[in-house]
């Protein structure tokens, strides 16, 4: 799901690139966010049915609430990454690949240098996804997720919107 959701964001952003410069992007980004939330909710339902039919472990529902919220939040960051890169990169195929290469490349780069390893949780979506979907969230890990959302969701889209206004 987290691979295809940003691709949808890239396709939506392709439409945004064709609009007049006076068009407000926030309603479209909100719609993209709602679509991502719907995909996350679908994933929650599939997991809940699977867990109800074939439970595993001693307390399979222990962190279900946190994991459910995390499932939606993961899709939102993925979608906003797609819309941001879709607006910045002209070719949809390149933007789709960018939604995988840029976040995972940064994660791999930070993991290759021991001193930079702690920065993964603050700068890369993958590190926060692991925390969100584990159900083991603390004040620190929620803060890290907010920072990642601000980088990949807000800042990326704001930069893309600014760039689009300048090139039109």
Foldseek 3Di string as FASTA:
>chain_A
DLLVLLLVLLVLLLVVLPDDLVDDCVVVLVVSLVVLLVVLQVVLVVVVVVCVVPPDDDCRCPLSVLLSVLSSLLSSLSSLLSNLLSLVDPDSVVSSVCSVCVQVVVQVVQVVDVVSNVCNLQAHSVNLSVVSNVSPDDPVSVVSSVNNCCVRRVPSNVVSSVVSSVVD
